[in-house]
Amino acid sequence: MNSDPSVVYRIPVDRVAWRTSGDETVLLDLGRSVYFALDRWATVLWPYLVAGATAAQLSDVLARRAPVERERAVADVRSFLADLEAADLIEHV
C-alpha cells in the first residue's frame, strides 16, 4: 500500500463489477473472471472506494462504524487496501 496520505484510492469500475447483499459484497475481476468476497466491514468501506477516498478517510469511517479503536481501524484499512492492490482491484488517482 502506498504510504502517501494524499493518495486517493478508487475502484476501476471498468475492470471490477460487484453486487452487495446485506452485509456482504461479491466482486468480479472482469479481466480475469475471478470472484472475491468482502466481509461486513469491507462492505461498509466499499462505496467510499467506488467514489474515491484516502486511507485516512476510510479509517475514519471504519473507526466511527465498527467496534474497534482508531489504531486498529487504521491497520485494518491498510491491510484491506494492500489486499485490493495485490489483486489489482484498486487504482491510485
Protein backbone atom coordinates (compact mmCIF):
# COMPACT_ATOMS: atom_id res chain seq x y z
CA MET A 1 0.00 0.00 0.00
CA ASN A 2 1.19 3.49 -0.81
CA SER A 3 2.16 5.38 2.37
CA ASP A 4 1.44 8.84 0.93
CA PRO A 5 -1.58 10.15 2.92
CA SER A 6 -2.78 12.24 -0.02
CA VAL A 7 -3.23 9.23 -2.31
CA VAL A 8 -6.85 8.67 -3.27
CA TYR A 9 -7.82 5.06 -3.84
CA ARG A 10 -10.60 4.18 -6.23
CA ILE A 11 -12.14 1.09 -7.72
CA PRO A 12 -11.66 0.92 -11.50
CA VAL A 13 -15.32 0.48 -12.42
CA ASP A 14 -14.43 -0.57 -15.95
CA ARG A 15 -12.48 -3.57 -14.58
CA VAL A 16 -14.45 -4.58 -11.48
CA ALA A 17 -18.13 -5.48 -11.13
CA TRP A 18 -19.84 -6.04 -7.78
CA ARG A 19 -23.09 -6.83 -6.04
CA THR A 20 -23.95 -6.17 -2.41
CA SER A 21 -26.43 -8.25 -0.48
CA GLY A 22 -26.91 -7.41 3.16
CA ASP A 23 -23.52 -7.26 4.89
CA GLU A 24 -21.53 -8.85 2.07
CA THR A 25 -20.25 -7.75 -1.30
CA VAL A 26 -19.05 -10.02 -4.09
CA LEU A 27 -16.56 -8.62 -6.62
CA LEU A 28 -15.73 -9.87 -10.08
CA ASP A 29 -12.44 -9.02 -11.73
CA LEU A 30 -13.73 -8.66 -15.28
CA GLY A 31 -10.35 -9.23 -16.91
CA ARG A 32 -9.50 -12.45 -15.11
CA SER A 33 -13.02 -13.70 -14.28
CA VAL A 34 -12.04 -14.13 -10.63
CA TYR A 35 -14.50 -13.59 -7.76
CA PHE A 36 -13.73 -12.03 -4.39
CA ALA A 37 -15.92 -11.72 -1.30
CA LEU A 38 -15.93 -8.78 1.10
CA ASP A 39 -16.98 -9.10 4.72
CA ARG A 40 -19.27 -6.74 6.62
CA TRP A 41 -16.72 -4.03 7.35
CA ALA A 42 -15.11 -4.10 3.92
CA THR A 43 -18.64 -3.74 2.53
CA VAL A 44 -19.07 -0.61 4.66
CA LEU A 45 -15.93 0.86 3.05
CA TRP A 46 -16.76 -0.21 -0.49
CA PRO A 47 -18.95 2.79 -1.53
CA TYR A 48 -16.21 5.15 -0.39
CA LEU A 49 -13.69 3.33 -2.57
CA VAL A 50 -16.03 3.48 -5.54
CA ALA A 51 -16.26 7.26 -5.10
CA GLY A 52 -12.56 7.63 -4.24
CA ALA A 53 -11.12 8.02 -0.75
CA THR A 54 -7.84 8.28 1.09
CA ALA A 55 -6.70 5.70 3.63
CA ALA A 56 -7.31 8.27 6.38
CA GLN A 57 -10.89 8.83 5.23
CA LEU A 58 -11.53 5.09 5.14
CA SER A 59 -10.01 4.71 8.60
CA ASP A 60 -12.28 7.46 9.92
CA VAL A 61 -15.34 5.70 8.51
CA LEU A 62 -14.31 2.36 9.99
CA ALA A 63 -13.46 3.86 13.39
CA ARG A 64 -16.89 5.53 13.55
CA ARG A 65 -18.89 2.48 12.43
CA ALA A 66 -17.02 -0.56 13.71
CA PRO A 67 -16.44 -1.54 17.32
CA VAL A 68 -12.67 -1.00 17.10
CA GLU A 69 -10.13 1.52 18.30
CA ARG A 70 -8.76 4.03 15.81
CA GLU A 71 -5.34 2.34 15.63
CA ARG A 72 -6.99 -0.96 14.76
CA ALA A 73 -9.14 0.74 12.10
CA VAL A 74 -6.01 2.22 10.51
CA ALA A 75 -4.27 -1.18 10.48
CA ASP A 76 -7.34 -2.92 9.07
CA VAL A 77 -7.73 -0.34 6.29
CA ARG A 78 -4.05 -0.66 5.37
CA SER A 79 -4.40 -4.42 5.18
CA PHE A 80 -7.61 -4.18 3.11
CA LEU A 81 -6.03 -1.73 0.65
CA ALA A 82 -2.92 -3.92 0.37
CA ASP A 83 -5.12 -6.93 -0.44
CA LEU A 84 -7.00 -4.96 -3.09
CA GLU A 85 -3.73 -3.74 -4.60
CA ALA A 86 -2.30 -7.27 -4.67
CA ALA A 87 -5.39 -8.44 -6.56
CA ASP A 88 -5.19 -5.39 -8.88
CA LEU A 89 -8.70 -4.28 -7.88
CA ILE A 90 -7.84 -0.71 -6.94
CA GLU A 91 -6.12 2.26 -8.52
CA HIS A 92 -4.46 5.46 -7.26
CA VAL A 93 -5.86 8.73 -8.57
